[in-house]
Protein backbone atom coordinates (compact mmCIF):
# COMPACT_ATOMS: atom_id res chain seq x y z
CA UNK A 1 0.00 0.00 0.00
CA UNK A 2 1.52 3.34 -1.01
CA UNK A 3 2.51 5.70 1.76
CA UNK A 4 3.02 9.19 0.35
CA UNK A 5 3.24 11.04 3.66
CA UNK A 6 5.94 9.09 5.50
CA UNK A 7 9.53 10.20 5.94
CA UNK A 8 12.20 7.66 6.86
CA UNK A 9 13.52 7.66 10.41
CA UNK A 10 16.43 10.07 10.69
CA UNK A 11 15.78 11.77 7.33
CA UNK A 12 15.35 15.54 7.33
CA UNK A 13 14.10 16.60 3.89
CA UNK A 14 13.37 20.22 3.05
CA UNK A 15 9.81 21.37 3.72
CA UNK A 16 7.41 20.56 0.91
CA UNK A 17 6.61 23.35 -1.50
CA UNK A 18 2.93 24.14 -2.02
CA UNK A 19 3.12 22.22 -5.30
CA UNK A 20 4.62 19.16 -3.54
CA UNK A 21 2.01 19.35 -0.77
CA UNK A 22 -0.75 19.51 -3.40
CA UNK A 23 0.75 16.47 -5.14
CA UNK A 24 0.87 14.50 -1.86
CA UNK A 25 -2.77 15.44 -1.10
CA UNK A 26 -3.78 14.33 -4.59
CA UNK A 27 -1.88 11.05 -4.31
CA UNK A 28 -3.38 10.44 -0.88
CA UNK A 29 -6.88 11.08 -2.26
CA UNK A 30 -6.81 9.29 -5.61
CA UNK A 31 -4.43 6.37 -5.23
CA UNK A 32 -6.06 2.96 -5.73
CA UNK A 33 -5.71 2.25 -2.01
CA UNK A 34 -7.89 5.29 -1.22
CA UNK A 35 -10.77 3.80 -3.18
CA UNK A 36 -10.37 0.51 -1.30
CA UNK A 37 -10.12 2.30 2.07
CA UNK A 38 -13.26 4.34 1.39
CA UNK A 39 -15.01 1.16 0.24
CA UNK A 40 -14.19 -0.62 3.49
CA UNK A 41 -15.08 2.31 5.75
CA UNK A 42 -18.30 2.92 3.81
CA UNK A 43 -19.22 -0.74 4.21
CA UNK A 44 -18.54 -0.50 7.95
CA UNK A 45 -20.65 2.67 8.26
CA UNK A 46 -23.49 1.09 6.27
CA UNK A 47 -23.32 -2.13 8.30
CA UNK A 48 -23.63 -0.14 11.53
CA UNK A 49 -26.45 1.93 9.98
CA UNK A 50 -24.55 5.09 10.84
CA UNK A 51 -26.74 7.18 8.54
CA UNK A 52 -30.12 5.42 8.21
CA UNK A 53 -31.47 8.06 5.80
CA UNK A 54 -28.90 7.03 3.18
CA UNK A 55 -30.85 3.84 2.58
CA UNK A 56 -30.13 0.18 2.01
CA UNK A 57 -28.82 -2.05 -0.71
CA UNK A 58 -26.31 -1.11 -3.37
CA UNK A 59 -27.89 2.34 -3.79
CA UNK A 60 -27.50 3.04 -0.08
CA UNK A 61 -23.92 1.82 -0.20
CA UNK A 62 -23.27 4.18 -3.12
CA UNK A 63 -24.59 7.08 -1.04
CA UNK A 64 -22.24 6.12 1.79
CA UNK A 65 -19.36 5.71 -0.64
CA UNK A 66 -19.45 9.06 -2.43
CA UNK A 67 -19.85 10.91 0.87
CA UNK A 68 -16.97 8.96 2.40
CA UNK A 69 -14.81 9.68 -0.64
CA UNK A 70 -15.61 13.39 -0.50
CA UNK A 71 -14.87 13.40 3.26
CA UNK A 72 -11.46 11.85 2.60
CA UNK A 73 -10.58 14.12 -0.33
CA UNK A 74 -11.58 17.45 1.19
CA UNK A 75 -9.92 16.47 4.46
CA UNK A 76 -6.71 15.57 2.62
CA UNK A 77 -6.56 18.83 0.69
CA UNK A 78 -7.19 20.87 3.83
CA UNK A 79 -4.84 18.91 6.13
CA UNK A 80 -2.01 18.12 3.71
CA UNK A 81 -2.02 21.09 1.33
CA UNK A 82 -4.06 24.22 2.11
CA UNK A 83 -3.58 24.75 5.84
CA UNK A 84 0.07 23.57 5.99
CA UNK A 85 0.86 26.05 3.22
CA UNK A 86 -0.78 28.84 5.22
CA UNK A 87 0.68 27.82 8.63
CA UNK A 88 4.08 26.67 7.26
CA UNK A 89 3.68 23.20 8.74
CA UNK A 90 5.06 19.96 7.37
CA UNK A 91 2.27 17.39 7.49
CA UNK A 92 4.41 14.44 6.49
CA UNK A 93 4.85 11.72 9.09
CA UNK A 94 8.41 11.57 10.43
CA UNK A 95 9.03 8.02 11.63
CA UNK A 96 10.78 7.57 14.97
CA UNK A 97 12.01 4.10 14.01
CA UNK A 98 13.63 3.22 17.33
CA UNK A 99 12.72 2.66 20.96
CA UNK A 100 10.11 0.55 22.67
CA UNK A 101 6.75 -0.26 21.17
CA UNK A 102 4.77 1.88 23.63
CA UNK A 103 7.07 4.87 23.24
CA UNK A 104 6.89 4.68 19.44
CA UNK A 105 3.10 4.21 19.46
CA UNK A 106 2.61 7.25 21.71
CA UNK A 107 4.95 9.29 19.54
CA UNK A 108 3.10 8.24 16.38
CA UNK A 109 -0.37 8.95 17.77
CA UNK A 110 0.73 12.32 19.16
CA UNK A 111 1.64 13.57 15.68
CA UNK A 112 -1.98 14.55 15.15
CA UNK A 113 -1.29 17.27 17.74
CA UNK A 114 2.41 17.96 17.08
CA UNK A 115 4.10 18.52 13.73
CA UNK A 116 7.28 20.20 12.53
CA UNK A 117 7.09 23.69 11.10
CA UNK A 118 9.12 24.67 8.02
CA UNK A 119 12.15 25.30 10.27
CA UNK A 120 12.03 21.79 11.77
CA UNK A 121 10.70 22.88 15.18
CA UNK A 122 7.81 20.98 16.74
CA UNK A 123 4.63 23.04 16.85
CA UNK A 124 0.93 22.58 17.51
CA UNK A 125 -0.56 20.77 14.52
CA UNK A 126 -3.11 23.41 13.59
CA UNK A 127 -3.40 21.99 10.07
CA UNK A 128 -4.62 18.63 11.34
CA UNK A 129 -6.81 19.89 14.17
CA UNK A 130 -8.45 22.72 12.21
CA UNK A 131 -8.44 20.91 8.85
CA UNK A 132 -10.32 17.87 10.15
CA UNK A 133 -12.80 20.20 11.87
CA UNK A 134 -13.31 22.21 8.69
CA UNK A 135 -13.81 19.00 6.71
CA UNK A 136 -16.54 17.94 9.13
CA UNK A 137 -18.15 21.36 8.77
CA UNK A 138 -18.12 20.97 4.98
CA UNK A 139 -19.68 17.51 5.30
CA UNK A 140 -22.77 19.10 6.86
CA UNK A 141 -23.64 20.22 3.33
CA UNK A 142 -24.06 16.69 1.97
CA UNK A 143 -25.11 14.45 4.88
CA UNK A 144 -28.75 14.06 5.93
CA UNK A 145 -30.09 16.77 8.25
CA UNK A 146 -30.12 14.39 11.26
CA UNK A 147 -26.33 14.08 10.88
CA UNK A 148 -25.71 17.82 10.87
CA UNK A 149 -26.05 18.33 14.61
CA UNK A 150 -23.09 19.53 16.63
CA UNK A 151 -23.00 16.18 18.45
CA UNK A 152 -22.99 14.15 15.22
CA UNK A 153 -20.24 16.32 13.72
CA UNK A 154 -18.21 16.03 16.94
CA UNK A 155 -18.43 12.24 16.78
CA UNK A 156 -17.30 12.23 13.12
CA UNK A 157 -14.48 14.63 14.04
CA UNK A 158 -13.36 12.33 16.84
CA UNK A 159 -13.39 9.34 14.49
CA UNK A 160 -11.36 11.18 11.87
CA UNK A 161 -8.75 12.30 14.41
CA UNK A 162 -8.60 8.80 15.89
CA UNK A 163 -8.27 7.28 12.42
CA UNK A 164 -5.38 9.62 11.64
CA UNK A 165 -3.66 8.73 14.93
CA UNK A 166 -4.01 5.01 14.16
CA UNK A 167 -2.76 5.58 10.61
CA UNK A 168 0.36 7.22 12.05
CA UNK A 169 0.90 4.22 14.33
CA UNK A 170 0.60 1.99 11.28
CA UNK A 171 3.11 4.19 9.40
CA UNK A 172 5.53 3.90 12.32
CA UNK A 173 5.43 0.13 12.54
CA UNK A 174 4.89 -0.84 8.89
CA UNK A 175 8.63 -1.22 8.14
CA UNK A 176 8.91 -3.64 11.09
CA UNK A 177 5.77 -5.54 10.08
CA UNK A 178 6.88 -5.71 6.46
CA UNK A 179 10.30 -7.04 7.46
CA UNK A 180 8.70 -9.84 9.47
CA UNK A 181 5.98 -10.70 6.97
CA UNK A 182 8.06 -10.56 3.83
CA UNK A 183 11.46 -11.41 5.35
CA UNK A 184 12.98 -8.22 3.99
CA UNK A 185 15.56 -5.96 5.50
CA UNK A 186 13.92 -3.32 7.63
CA UNK A 187 13.59 -0.24 5.48
CA UNK A 188 11.75 3.01 5.74
CA UNK A 189 9.54 4.63 3.09
CA UNK A 190 11.22 7.36 1.12
CA UNK A 191 10.33 10.98 1.72
CA UNK A 192 8.04 12.49 -0.85
C-alpha atoms as a PDB file:
ATOM      1  CA  UNK A   1       0.000   0.000   0.000  1.00  0.00           C
ATOM      2  CA  UNK A   2       1.516   3.341  -1.012  1.00  0.00           C
ATOM      3  CA  UNK A   3       2.507   5.703   1.765  1.00  0.00           C
ATOM      4  CA  UNK A   4       3.024   9.185   0.352  1.00  0.00           C
ATOM      5  CA  UNK A   5       3.235  11.039   3.664  1.00  0.00           C
ATOM      6  CA  UNK A   6       5.942   9.088   5.498  1.00  0.00           C
ATOM      7  CA  UNK A   7       9.534  10.200   5.940  1.00  0.00           C
ATOM      8  CA  UNK A   8      12.200   7.665   6.862  1.00  0.00           C
ATOM      9  CA  UNK A   9      13.519   7.658  10.415  1.00  0.00           C
ATOM     10  CA  UNK A  10      16.430  10.069  10.695  1.00  0.00           C
ATOM     11  CA  UNK A  11      15.776  11.767   7.332  1.00  0.00           C
ATOM     12  CA  UNK A  12      15.346  15.538   7.325  1.00  0.00           C
ATOM     13  CA  UNK A  13      14.104  16.598   3.890  1.00  0.00           C
ATOM     14  CA  UNK A  14      13.373  20.225   3.048  1.00  0.00           C
ATOM     15  CA  UNK A  15       9.811  21.372   3.720  1.00  0.00           C
ATOM     16  CA  UNK A  16       7.405  20.565   0.914  1.00  0.00           C
ATOM     17  CA  UNK A  17       6.614  23.352  -1.503  1.00  0.00           C
ATOM     18  CA  UNK A  18       2.929  24.141  -2.025  1.00  0.00           C
ATOM     19  CA  UNK A  19       3.120  22.218  -5.295  1.00  0.00           C
ATOM     20  CA  UNK A  20       4.624  19.161  -3.539  1.00  0.00           C
ATOM     21  CA  UNK A  21       2.007  19.347  -0.770  1.00  0.00           C
ATOM     22  CA  UNK A  22      -0.747  19.509  -3.402  1.00  0.00           C
ATOM     23  CA  UNK A  23       0.750  16.470  -5.140  1.00  0.00           C
ATOM     24  CA  UNK A  24       0.866  14.495  -1.857  1.00  0.00           C
ATOM     25  CA  UNK A  25      -2.767  15.439  -1.097  1.00  0.00           C
ATOM     26  CA  UNK A  26      -3.777  14.335  -4.589  1.00  0.00           C
ATOM     27  CA  UNK A  27      -1.884  11.045  -4.314  1.00  0.00           C
ATOM     28  CA  UNK A  28      -3.384  10.436  -0.879  1.00  0.00           C
ATOM     29  CA  UNK A  29      -6.882  11.084  -2.262  1.00  0.00           C
ATOM     30  CA  UNK A  30      -6.809   9.292  -5.614  1.00  0.00           C
ATOM     31  CA  UNK A  31      -4.431   6.374  -5.225  1.00  0.00           C
ATOM     32  CA  UNK A  32      -6.059   2.960  -5.731  1.00  0.00           C
ATOM     33  CA  UNK A  33      -5.713   2.245  -2.012  1.00  0.00           C
ATOM     34  CA  UNK A  34      -7.887   5.291  -1.222  1.00  0.00           C
ATOM     35  CA  UNK A  35     -10.774   3.798  -3.184  1.00  0.00           C
ATOM     36  CA  UNK A  36     -10.372   0.510  -1.297  1.00  0.00           C
ATOM     37  CA  UNK A  37     -10.117   2.297   2.069  1.00  0.00           C
ATOM     38  CA  UNK A  38     -13.265   4.335   1.393  1.00  0.00           C
ATOM     39  CA  UNK A  39     -15.011   1.161   0.240  1.00  0.00           C
ATOM     40  CA  UNK A  40     -14.194  -0.621   3.487  1.00  0.00           C
ATOM     41  CA  UNK A  41     -15.076   2.314   5.750  1.00  0.00           C
ATOM     42  CA  UNK A  42     -18.298   2.918   3.811  1.00  0.00           C
ATOM     43  CA  UNK A  43     -19.219  -0.742   4.212  1.00  0.00           C
ATOM     44  CA  UNK A  44     -18.545  -0.501   7.953  1.00  0.00           C
ATOM     45  CA  UNK A  45     -20.654   2.667   8.263  1.00  0.00           C
ATOM     46  CA  UNK A  46     -23.487   1.086   6.268  1.00  0.00           C
ATOM     47  CA  UNK A  47     -23.317  -2.131   8.299  1.00  0.00           C
ATOM     48  CA  UNK A  48     -23.632  -0.139  11.533  1.00  0.00           C
ATOM     49  CA  UNK A  49     -26.452   1.927   9.984  1.00  0.00           C
ATOM     50  CA  UNK A  50     -24.545   5.089  10.838  1.00  0.00           C
ATOM     51  CA  UNK A  51     -26.743   7.180   8.541  1.00  0.00           C
ATOM     52  CA  UNK A  52     -30.123   5.425   8.207  1.00  0.00           C
ATOM     53  CA  UNK A  53     -31.472   8.055   5.800  1.00  0.00           C
ATOM     54  CA  UNK A  54     -28.898   7.031   3.178  1.00  0.00           C
ATOM     55  CA  UNK A  55     -30.848   3.840   2.577  1.00  0.00           C
ATOM     56  CA  UNK A  56     -30.125   0.184   2.009  1.00  0.00           C
ATOM     57  CA  UNK A  57     -28.822  -2.054  -0.715  1.00  0.00           C
ATOM     58  CA  UNK A  58     -26.310  -1.114  -3.372  1.00  0.00           C
ATOM     59  CA  UNK A  59     -27.887   2.341  -3.790  1.00  0.00           C
ATOM     60  CA  UNK A  60     -27.497   3.041  -0.077  1.00  0.00           C
ATOM     61  CA  UNK A  61     -23.915   1.817  -0.204  1.00  0.00           C
ATOM     62  CA  UNK A  62     -23.275   4.184  -3.125  1.00  0.00           C
ATOM     63  CA  UNK A  63     -24.588   7.079  -1.042  1.00  0.00           C
ATOM     64  CA  UNK A  64     -22.242   6.125   1.790  1.00  0.00           C
ATOM     65  CA  UNK A  65     -19.357   5.708  -0.640  1.00  0.00           C
ATOM     66  CA  UNK A  66     -19.448   9.059  -2.430  1.00  0.00           C
ATOM     67  CA  UNK A  67     -19.848  10.906   0.872  1.00  0.00           C
ATOM     68  CA  UNK A  68     -16.965   8.958   2.399  1.00  0.00           C
ATOM     69  CA  UNK A  69     -14.814   9.684  -0.636  1.00  0.00           C
ATOM     70  CA  UNK A  70     -15.613  13.388  -0.495  1.00  0.00           C
ATOM     71  CA  UNK A  71     -14.870  13.404   3.261  1.00  0.00           C
ATOM     72  CA  UNK A  72     -11.460  11.852   2.596  1.00  0.00           C
ATOM     73  CA  UNK A  73     -10.577  14.116  -0.330  1.00  0.00           C
ATOM     74  CA  UNK A  74     -11.579  17.453   1.189  1.00  0.00           C
ATOM     75  CA  UNK A  75      -9.918  16.475   4.459  1.00  0.00           C
ATOM     76  CA  UNK A  76      -6.705  15.573   2.621  1.00  0.00           C
ATOM     77  CA  UNK A  77      -6.558  18.832   0.685  1.00  0.00           C
ATOM     78  CA  UNK A  78      -7.189  20.874   3.830  1.00  0.00           C
ATOM     79  CA  UNK A  79      -4.837  18.913   6.133  1.00  0.00           C
ATOM     80  CA  UNK A  80      -2.006  18.120   3.712  1.00  0.00           C
ATOM     81  CA  UNK A  81      -2.015  21.086   1.329  1.00  0.00           C
ATOM     82  CA  UNK A  82      -4.057  24.216   2.105  1.00  0.00           C
ATOM     83  CA  UNK A  83      -3.575  24.750   5.841  1.00  0.00           C
ATOM     84  CA  UNK A  84       0.066  23.569   5.994  1.00  0.00           C
ATOM     85  CA  UNK A  85       0.863  26.052   3.218  1.00  0.00           C
ATOM     86  CA  UNK A  86      -0.776  28.842   5.220  1.00  0.00           C
ATOM     87  CA  UNK A  87       0.683  27.822   8.626  1.00  0.00           C
ATOM     88  CA  UNK A  88       4.082  26.668   7.259  1.00  0.00           C
ATOM     89  CA  UNK A  89       3.683  23.200   8.740  1.00  0.00           C
ATOM     90  CA  UNK A  90       5.063  19.958   7.368  1.00  0.00           C
ATOM     91  CA  UNK A  91       2.272  17.387   7.488  1.00  0.00           C
ATOM     92  CA  UNK A  92       4.410  14.440   6.489  1.00  0.00           C
ATOM     93  CA  UNK A  93       4.846  11.721   9.094  1.00  0.00           C
ATOM     94  CA  UNK A  94       8.410  11.574  10.431  1.00  0.00           C
ATOM     95  CA  UNK A  95       9.033   8.024  11.633  1.00  0.00           C
ATOM     96  CA  UNK A  96      10.784   7.568  14.968  1.00  0.00           C
ATOM     97  CA  UNK A  97      12.011   4.102  14.014  1.00  0.00           C
ATOM     98  CA  UNK A  98      13.625   3.218  17.329  1.00  0.00           C
ATOM     99  CA  UNK A  99      12.716   2.662  20.959  1.00  0.00           C
ATOM    100  CA  UNK A 100      10.110   0.554  22.668  1.00  0.00           C
ATOM    101  CA  UNK A 101       6.748  -0.262  21.169  1.00  0.00           C
ATOM    102  CA  UNK A 102       4.770   1.883  23.627  1.00  0.00           C
ATOM    103  CA  UNK A 103       7.068   4.873  23.239  1.00  0.00           C
ATOM    104  CA  UNK A 104       6.886   4.679  19.437  1.00  0.00           C
ATOM    105  CA  UNK A 105       3.102   4.211  19.460  1.00  0.00           C
ATOM    106  CA  UNK A 106       2.606   7.246  21.708  1.00  0.00           C
ATOM    107  CA  UNK A 107       4.954   9.295  19.539  1.00  0.00           C
ATOM    108  CA  UNK A 108       3.097   8.242  16.377  1.00  0.00           C
ATOM    109  CA  UNK A 109      -0.373   8.949  17.769  1.00  0.00           C
ATOM    110  CA  UNK A 110       0.728  12.319  19.156  1.00  0.00           C
ATOM    111  CA  UNK A 111       1.641  13.569  15.677  1.00  0.00           C
ATOM    112  CA  UNK A 112      -1.985  14.550  15.149  1.00  0.00           C
ATOM    113  CA  UNK A 113      -1.294  17.268  17.736  1.00  0.00           C
ATOM    114  CA  UNK A 114       2.406  17.963  17.075  1.00  0.00           C
ATOM    115  CA  UNK A 115       4.101  18.519  13.727  1.00  0.00           C
ATOM    116  CA  UNK A 116       7.279  20.199  12.528  1.00  0.00           C
ATOM    117  CA  UNK A 117       7.095  23.686  11.099  1.00  0.00           C
ATOM    118  CA  UNK A 118       9.119  24.670   8.022  1.00  0.00           C
ATOM    119  CA  UNK A 119      12.150  25.296  10.273  1.00  0.00           C
ATOM    120  CA  UNK A 120      12.026  21.793  11.775  1.00  0.00           C
ATOM    121  CA  UNK A 121      10.704  22.882  15.175  1.00  0.00           C
ATOM    122  CA  UNK A 122       7.808  20.982  16.738  1.00  0.00           C
ATOM    123  CA  UNK A 123       4.633  23.038  16.853  1.00  0.00           C
ATOM    124  CA  UNK A 124       0.927  22.579  17.512  1.00  0.00           C
ATOM    125  CA  UNK A 125      -0.557  20.768  14.518  1.00  0.00           C
ATOM    126  CA  UNK A 126      -3.105  23.409  13.586  1.00  0.00           C
ATOM    127  CA  UNK A 127      -3.398  21.989  10.067  1.00  0.00           C
ATOM    128  CA  UNK A 128      -4.619  18.625  11.339  1.00  0.00           C
ATOM    129  CA  UNK A 129      -6.811  19.886  14.166  1.00  0.00           C
ATOM    130  CA  UNK A 130      -8.451  22.715  12.212  1.00  0.00           C
ATOM    131  CA  UNK A 131      -8.437  20.913   8.851  1.00  0.00           C
ATOM    132  CA  UNK A 132     -10.324  17.873  10.149  1.00  0.00           C
ATOM    133  CA  UNK A 133     -12.799  20.203  11.866  1.00  0.00           C
ATOM    134  CA  UNK A 134     -13.305  22.215   8.686  1.00  0.00           C
ATOM    135  CA  UNK A 135     -13.812  18.996   6.710  1.00  0.00           C
ATOM    136  CA  UNK A 136     -16.543  17.942   9.127  1.00  0.00           C
ATOM    137  CA  UNK A 137     -18.155  21.361   8.767  1.00  0.00           C
ATOM    138  CA  UNK A 138     -18.123  20.972   4.979  1.00  0.00           C
ATOM    139  CA  UNK A 139     -19.675  17.514   5.302  1.00  0.00           C
ATOM    140  CA  UNK A 140     -22.767  19.103   6.861  1.00  0.00           C
ATOM    141  CA  UNK A 141     -23.645  20.223   3.333  1.00  0.00           C
ATOM    142  CA  UNK A 142     -24.063  16.687   1.965  1.00  0.00           C
ATOM    143  CA  UNK A 143     -25.106  14.454   4.882  1.00  0.00           C
ATOM    144  CA  UNK A 144     -28.748  14.057   5.934  1.00  0.00           C
ATOM    145  CA  UNK A 145     -30.088  16.769   8.251  1.00  0.00           C
ATOM    146  CA  UNK A 146     -30.120  14.386  11.261  1.00  0.00           C
ATOM    147  CA  UNK A 147     -26.329  14.080  10.882  1.00  0.00           C
ATOM    148  CA  UNK A 148     -25.715  17.824  10.873  1.00  0.00           C
ATOM    149  CA  UNK A 149     -26.049  18.331  14.607  1.00  0.00           C
ATOM    150  CA  UNK A 150     -23.090  19.528  16.634  1.00  0.00           C
ATOM    151  CA  UNK A 151     -23.004  16.177  18.446  1.00  0.00           C
ATOM    152  CA  UNK A 152     -22.994  14.148  15.222  1.00  0.00           C
ATOM    153  CA  UNK A 153     -20.244  16.323  13.724  1.00  0.00           C
ATOM    154  CA  UNK A 154     -18.212  16.034  16.937  1.00  0.00           C
ATOM    155  CA  UNK A 155     -18.428  12.239  16.776  1.00  0.00           C
ATOM    156  CA  UNK A 156     -17.299  12.235  13.125  1.00  0.00           C
ATOM    157  CA  UNK A 157     -14.479  14.631  14.036  1.00  0.00           C
ATOM    158  CA  UNK A 158     -13.362  12.328  16.842  1.00  0.00           C
ATOM    159  CA  UNK A 159     -13.394   9.342  14.493  1.00  0.00           C
ATOM    160  CA  UNK A 160     -11.359  11.178  11.870  1.00  0.00           C
ATOM    161  CA  UNK A 161      -8.749  12.302  14.414  1.00  0.00           C
ATOM    162  CA  UNK A 162      -8.597   8.797  15.887  1.00  0.00           C
ATOM    163  CA  UNK A 163      -8.266   7.275  12.422  1.00  0.00           C
ATOM    164  CA  UNK A 164      -5.375   9.622  11.640  1.00  0.00           C
ATOM    165  CA  UNK A 165      -3.655   8.733  14.926  1.00  0.00           C
ATOM    166  CA  UNK A 166      -4.009   5.012  14.156  1.00  0.00           C
ATOM    167  CA  UNK A 167      -2.765   5.578  10.614  1.00  0.00           C
ATOM    168  CA  UNK A 168       0.357   7.218  12.048  1.00  0.00           C
ATOM    169  CA  UNK A 169       0.903   4.222  14.335  1.00  0.00           C
ATOM    170  CA  UNK A 170       0.604   1.985  11.277  1.00  0.00           C
ATOM    171  CA  UNK A 171       3.113   4.189   9.398  1.00  0.00           C
ATOM    172  CA  UNK A 172       5.526   3.903  12.324  1.00  0.00           C
ATOM    173  CA  UNK A 173       5.426   0.126  12.536  1.00  0.00           C
ATOM    174  CA  UNK A 174       4.892  -0.837   8.889  1.00  0.00           C
ATOM    175  CA  UNK A 175       8.625  -1.216   8.143  1.00  0.00           C
ATOM    176  CA  UNK A 176       8.909  -3.644  11.089  1.00  0.00           C
ATOM    177  CA  UNK A 177       5.770  -5.542  10.085  1.00  0.00           C
ATOM    178  CA  UNK A 178       6.882  -5.710   6.465  1.00  0.00           C
ATOM    179  CA  UNK A 179      10.301  -7.037   7.457  1.00  0.00           C
ATOM    180  CA  UNK A 180       8.697  -9.842   9.474  1.00  0.00           C
ATOM    181  CA  UNK A 181       5.976 -10.703   6.974  1.00  0.00           C
ATOM    182  CA  UNK A 182       8.055 -10.558   3.834  1.00  0.00           C
ATOM    183  CA  UNK A 183      11.461 -11.412   5.352  1.00  0.00           C
ATOM    184  CA  UNK A 184      12.982  -8.217   3.994  1.00  0.00           C
ATOM    185  CA  UNK A 185      15.561  -5.955   5.495  1.00  0.00           C
ATOM    186  CA  UNK A 186      13.921  -3.317   7.634  1.00  0.00           C
ATOM    187  CA  UNK A 187      13.588  -0.244   5.483  1.00  0.00           C
ATOM    188  CA  UNK A 188      11.750   3.011   5.735  1.00  0.00           C
ATOM    189  CA  UNK A 189       9.538   4.628   3.094  1.00  0.00           C
ATOM    190  CA  UNK A 190      11.225   7.362   1.118  1.00  0.00           C
ATOM    191  CA  UNK A 191      10.335  10.977   1.720  1.00  0.00           C
ATOM    192  CA  UNK A 192       8.040  12.491  -0.854  1.00  0.00           C
END
